[in-house]
Protein backbone atom coordinates (compact mmCIF):
# COMPACT_ATOMS: atom_id res chain seq x y z
CA MET A 1 -113.10 -173.58 -245.41
CA PHE A 2 -110.39 -174.91 -247.74
CA ALA A 3 -111.25 -172.57 -250.64
CA ASP A 4 -108.54 -170.45 -252.23
CA ARG A 5 -110.50 -167.22 -252.24
CA GLN A 6 -109.91 -163.81 -250.78
CA ASP A 7 -112.87 -163.88 -248.39
CA ASN A 8 -111.78 -167.14 -246.76
CA PRO A 9 -110.22 -166.20 -243.40
CA PHE A 10 -108.32 -169.52 -243.38
CA ARG A 11 -106.97 -169.30 -246.94
CA ASP A 12 -103.31 -169.12 -245.87
CA TRP A 13 -103.54 -171.29 -242.75
CA SER A 14 -102.14 -174.78 -242.22
CA TYR A 15 -104.81 -177.49 -241.91
CA VAL A 16 -104.94 -180.80 -240.07
CA TYR A 17 -107.96 -183.02 -240.76
CA VAL A 18 -108.97 -185.43 -238.00
CA PRO A 19 -111.33 -188.09 -239.43
CA HIS A 20 -114.30 -189.29 -237.41
CA CYS A 21 -113.33 -192.97 -237.52
CA THR A 22 -114.91 -193.96 -234.21
CA ASP A 23 -118.41 -192.42 -234.40
CA ASP A 24 -118.17 -191.25 -230.78
CA TYR A 25 -117.92 -187.45 -231.08
CA HIS A 26 -114.12 -187.90 -231.04
CA ALA A 27 -114.64 -188.32 -227.28
CA GLY A 28 -114.59 -192.05 -226.53
CA ASN A 29 -112.18 -193.97 -224.35
CA ALA A 30 -113.45 -197.55 -224.54
CA GLN A 31 -112.09 -200.61 -226.32
CA ASP A 32 -113.68 -203.89 -227.38
CA VAL A 33 -117.22 -202.73 -226.62
CA THR A 34 -120.17 -204.98 -227.36
CA VAL A 35 -123.17 -203.14 -228.82
CA GLU A 36 -126.55 -204.83 -228.85
CA GLY A 37 -127.57 -205.82 -232.37
CA VAL A 38 -124.09 -205.21 -233.81
CA SER A 39 -121.71 -208.06 -234.54
CA GLY A 40 -118.18 -208.07 -233.15
CA THR A 41 -116.69 -205.49 -230.83
CA GLN A 42 -116.38 -201.76 -231.36
CA GLN A 43 -113.54 -199.36 -230.65
CA PHE A 44 -114.80 -196.06 -229.25
CA VAL A 45 -111.41 -194.40 -228.85
CA GLY A 46 -111.88 -190.95 -230.35
CA ALA A 47 -110.31 -189.13 -227.41
CA ARG A 48 -107.30 -191.46 -227.47
CA ASN A 49 -106.96 -190.90 -231.21
CA MET A 50 -106.97 -187.14 -230.69
CA ALA A 51 -104.21 -187.49 -228.10
CA LEU A 52 -102.15 -189.38 -230.68
CA PHE A 53 -102.87 -186.74 -233.31
CA LEU A 54 -101.64 -184.06 -230.91
CA GLU A 55 -98.41 -185.97 -230.30
CA ARG A 56 -97.73 -185.52 -234.01
CA ILE A 57 -99.33 -182.10 -234.55
CA VAL A 58 -97.68 -180.12 -231.77
CA PRO A 59 -94.05 -180.85 -232.81
CA THR A 60 -94.96 -180.20 -236.46
CA PHE A 61 -96.58 -176.84 -235.74
CA GLY A 62 -94.64 -175.89 -232.64
CA ALA A 63 -94.10 -172.37 -233.93
CA ALA A 64 -97.83 -171.72 -234.39
CA SER A 65 -99.08 -168.51 -232.83
CA HIS A 66 -102.79 -169.32 -233.16
CA VAL A 67 -104.59 -172.68 -233.25
CA VAL A 68 -108.28 -173.13 -234.10
CA LEU A 69 -109.94 -176.38 -233.08
CA GLY A 70 -113.16 -176.65 -235.01
CA GLY A 71 -115.59 -179.08 -236.49
CA CYS A 72 -118.97 -179.53 -238.10
CA SER A 73 -121.77 -181.63 -236.58
CA SER A 74 -120.14 -184.46 -234.59
CA GLY A 75 -116.86 -182.67 -235.24
CA GLY A 76 -118.23 -179.69 -233.35
CA GLN A 77 -119.10 -181.85 -230.37
CA GLY A 78 -115.66 -183.44 -230.68
CA ALA A 79 -114.02 -180.03 -230.68
CA ILE A 80 -115.77 -179.26 -227.40
CA ALA A 81 -114.72 -182.59 -225.89
CA ASN A 82 -111.07 -182.21 -226.91
CA PHE A 83 -110.46 -178.51 -226.39
CA PRO A 84 -108.92 -178.93 -222.90
CA GLN A 85 -106.35 -181.50 -224.08
CA LEU A 86 -105.49 -179.36 -227.12
CA GLN A 87 -104.95 -176.37 -224.83
CA ARG A 88 -102.63 -178.38 -222.60
CA ALA A 89 -100.74 -179.79 -225.56
CA PHE A 90 -99.94 -176.41 -227.10
CA GLY A 91 -99.52 -174.54 -223.81
CA ASP A 92 -100.74 -171.19 -222.60
CA GLU A 93 -98.39 -169.23 -224.84
CA VAL A 94 -100.33 -170.23 -228.00
CA ARG A 95 -103.58 -168.41 -228.75
CA THR A 96 -106.47 -170.85 -229.20
CA THR A 97 -109.98 -170.69 -230.59
CA LEU A 98 -112.82 -173.19 -230.24
CA TYR A 99 -115.17 -173.15 -233.25
CA ILE A 100 -118.37 -175.24 -233.14
CA ASP A 101 -120.36 -175.51 -236.38
CA SER A 102 -123.80 -177.13 -236.09
CA GLY A 103 -122.61 -179.41 -233.30
CA PRO A 104 -123.63 -177.94 -229.94
CA PRO A 105 -123.43 -179.86 -226.68
CA VAL A 106 -126.16 -182.47 -226.23
CA PRO A 107 -128.92 -181.15 -223.94
CA ASP A 108 -130.21 -183.00 -220.90
CA SER A 109 -133.59 -183.24 -222.66
CA GLU A 110 -132.36 -185.44 -225.53
CA SER A 111 -134.55 -188.52 -226.00
CA THR A 112 -132.54 -190.87 -228.24
CA GLY A 113 -130.05 -192.11 -225.65
CA VAL A 114 -127.03 -190.15 -226.84
CA LEU A 115 -125.87 -189.22 -223.34
CA ALA A 116 -126.42 -192.79 -222.14
CA ALA A 117 -124.30 -194.08 -225.02
CA MET A 118 -121.57 -191.60 -224.19
CA ILE A 119 -121.44 -192.96 -220.66
CA SER A 120 -122.21 -196.67 -220.99
CA LEU A 121 -120.68 -197.44 -224.40
CA TRP A 122 -118.12 -194.81 -225.41
CA GLY A 123 -116.50 -194.02 -222.08
CA ALA A 124 -116.81 -190.38 -223.08
CA GLY A 125 -118.59 -189.46 -219.88
CA ASP A 126 -115.61 -190.52 -217.80
CA THR A 127 -113.19 -188.72 -220.11
CA MET A 128 -115.08 -185.43 -220.09
CA ILE A 129 -116.13 -185.54 -216.44
CA ALA A 130 -112.50 -186.13 -215.51
CA GLU A 131 -111.81 -182.73 -217.08
CA CYS A 132 -114.63 -180.70 -215.51
CA GLY A 133 -114.82 -182.48 -212.14
CA ALA A 134 -117.29 -180.99 -209.69
CA ALA A 135 -118.71 -178.71 -212.40
CA CYS A 136 -120.25 -181.86 -213.94
CA SER A 137 -121.97 -183.16 -210.83
CA ASP A 138 -124.63 -185.24 -212.64
CA GLU A 139 -122.94 -187.84 -214.83
CA THR A 140 -126.22 -188.68 -216.58
CA SER A 141 -126.61 -185.15 -217.99
CA PHE A 142 -123.16 -183.68 -218.17
CA PHE A 143 -122.54 -182.29 -221.66
CA VAL A 144 -124.01 -178.81 -221.17
CA ASP A 145 -122.33 -178.55 -217.77
CA HIS A 146 -119.04 -179.59 -219.39
CA PHE A 147 -119.48 -176.91 -222.06
CA ARG A 148 -120.34 -174.28 -219.45
CA TRP A 149 -117.17 -175.24 -217.57
CA ILE A 150 -115.10 -174.84 -220.75
CA VAL A 151 -116.57 -171.39 -221.39
CA GLU A 152 -116.01 -170.28 -217.81
CA SER A 153 -112.50 -171.75 -217.67
CA TYR A 154 -111.09 -170.73 -221.05
CA SER A 155 -112.99 -167.75 -222.48
CA GLY A 156 -110.79 -165.27 -220.65
CA ASP A 157 -107.86 -166.16 -222.90
CA SER A 158 -109.46 -168.09 -225.77
CA VAL A 159 -112.26 -167.31 -228.21
CA ILE A 160 -115.24 -169.67 -228.17
CA ALA A 161 -117.69 -169.38 -231.07
CA MET A 162 -120.67 -171.40 -232.28
CA SER A 163 -122.76 -171.32 -235.45
CA ALA A 164 -126.11 -173.07 -235.88
CA TYR A 165 -129.27 -173.29 -237.96
CA ALA A 166 -132.57 -172.69 -236.19
CA GLN A 167 -134.01 -175.49 -238.35
CA ASP A 168 -131.26 -178.12 -238.23
CA PHE A 169 -133.12 -181.35 -238.96
CA VAL A 170 -129.94 -183.46 -238.65
CA GLU A 171 -129.05 -182.48 -235.08
CA ARG A 172 -132.69 -182.42 -233.98
CA ALA A 173 -133.18 -186.00 -235.15
CA GLU A 174 -129.95 -187.18 -233.58
CA MET A 175 -130.99 -185.77 -230.22
CA GLY A 176 -134.72 -186.54 -230.55
CA LEU A 177 -135.78 -182.93 -230.06
CA SER A 178 -138.82 -181.15 -231.40
CA GLU A 179 -138.21 -177.97 -233.37
CA SER A 180 -139.20 -175.83 -230.39
CA GLU A 181 -136.93 -177.84 -228.04
CA TRP A 182 -134.00 -177.46 -230.43
CA GLN A 183 -134.52 -173.73 -230.74
CA SER A 184 -134.88 -173.34 -226.99
CA HIS A 185 -131.59 -175.21 -226.57
CA LEU A 186 -129.77 -172.86 -228.96
CA SER A 187 -131.26 -169.82 -227.25
CA SER A 188 -130.23 -171.06 -223.81
CA LEU A 189 -126.67 -171.81 -224.91
CA ARG A 190 -126.36 -168.26 -226.19
CA THR A 191 -128.05 -166.34 -223.38
CA ASP A 192 -127.13 -168.50 -220.37
CA VAL A 193 -123.70 -169.87 -221.27
CA LEU A 194 -121.92 -167.86 -223.96
CA GLN A 195 -123.09 -164.26 -223.74
CA PRO A 196 -122.25 -163.85 -220.02
CA ALA A 197 -118.62 -164.74 -220.79
CA PRO A 198 -115.99 -162.69 -222.61
CA ASN A 199 -114.55 -163.60 -226.03
CA THR A 200 -117.59 -165.56 -227.20
CA GLY A 201 -119.69 -165.38 -230.34
CA THR A 202 -122.67 -167.02 -232.01
CA PHE A 203 -123.96 -166.99 -235.60
CA TYR A 204 -127.58 -168.12 -235.81
CA VAL A 205 -129.36 -168.51 -239.14
CA ASP A 206 -133.15 -168.87 -239.21
CA THR A 207 -133.34 -171.36 -242.10
CA ILE A 208 -133.09 -175.09 -242.75
CA GLY A 209 -129.54 -176.41 -242.96
CA HIS A 210 -126.69 -178.29 -241.36
CA CYS A 211 -123.04 -177.16 -241.25
CA MET A 212 -122.00 -173.83 -242.72
CA ALA A 213 -118.26 -174.16 -243.24
CA ARG A 214 -118.26 -177.23 -245.47
CA ASP A 215 -119.42 -175.70 -248.78
CA GLU A 216 -120.43 -172.42 -250.45
CA THR A 217 -122.79 -171.77 -247.55
CA MET A 218 -119.78 -170.43 -245.67
CA TYR A 219 -119.83 -167.44 -248.02
CA SER A 220 -123.57 -167.11 -248.62
CA ALA A 221 -125.19 -167.64 -245.20
CA THR A 222 -125.85 -164.31 -243.49
CA ALA A 223 -126.91 -163.07 -240.07
CA ASP A 224 -127.57 -159.38 -239.49
CA GLY A 225 -126.14 -158.66 -242.94
CA VAL A 226 -122.80 -160.37 -242.18
CA THR A 227 -121.70 -163.51 -244.02
CA HIS A 228 -120.53 -166.55 -242.13
CA ALA A 229 -117.03 -166.10 -243.58
CA GLU A 230 -116.94 -162.48 -242.40
CA TRP A 231 -118.08 -163.56 -238.95
CA LEU A 232 -115.34 -166.21 -238.87
CA ALA A 233 -112.77 -163.59 -239.87
CA ALA A 234 -113.81 -161.56 -236.83
CA VAL A 235 -113.66 -164.68 -234.65
CA THR A 236 -110.10 -165.44 -235.73
CA ALA A 237 -109.19 -161.78 -235.12
CA SER A 238 -110.38 -162.17 -231.50
CA ASN A 239 -113.41 -159.98 -232.15
CA PRO A 240 -116.32 -162.45 -231.93
CA GLN A 241 -119.88 -161.22 -232.25
CA HIS A 242 -123.33 -162.56 -231.46
CA LEU A 243 -125.25 -162.32 -234.73
CA GLY A 244 -128.71 -163.44 -235.78
CA SER A 245 -131.79 -163.59 -233.62
CA SER A 246 -132.07 -166.30 -231.00
CA PRO A 247 -134.57 -168.88 -232.29
């Protein structure tokens, strides 16, 4: 994504890197948390950190005409969690794009306790549910509902795009999903959440991997004969496509 090459759609863009210091999908809002088996207290304040980043970013890039909030893996989940506050910070006059790379919302069927941690340890449940309100009626299984709310609320004016590997062993393990459960989750996100809405796109690759935009894979991974970089160029040009077969 940072490469100085002609086929990089972001080659002449300004970049801001937000480090994942808090290990909470950039979504937490809890201080001095005690975690069983871990010494000391932990600071799950990813959402607060993002708010502080925006206080610095928006004045610096106040003349921006287009802002892409994206991330890989936990950064993708963090991009979902923080898209509403980024939209508010920049205002409706700035075009925005949400780009999720190998970090889809956590499904209700996860078995490793990720959603429970988001609620009971990170405070992320409260932060995200405060955004989507009644659309997230079940606080114990809210992430997909939160994502659906984002798509329904913002896709009319913003582009929302997601890339994923059908055989992503990293995300599967994190969520405790079998290969078939993972693939069913990706298929459902495409057919039930994204495709019914305007200005959405997906790029599914039927191989083993994790994160496409972090290395040369951005230029070599293909779906329906289109490289990931070419797909991203269409996404940034507000012409997203749904490429690759659903798993």
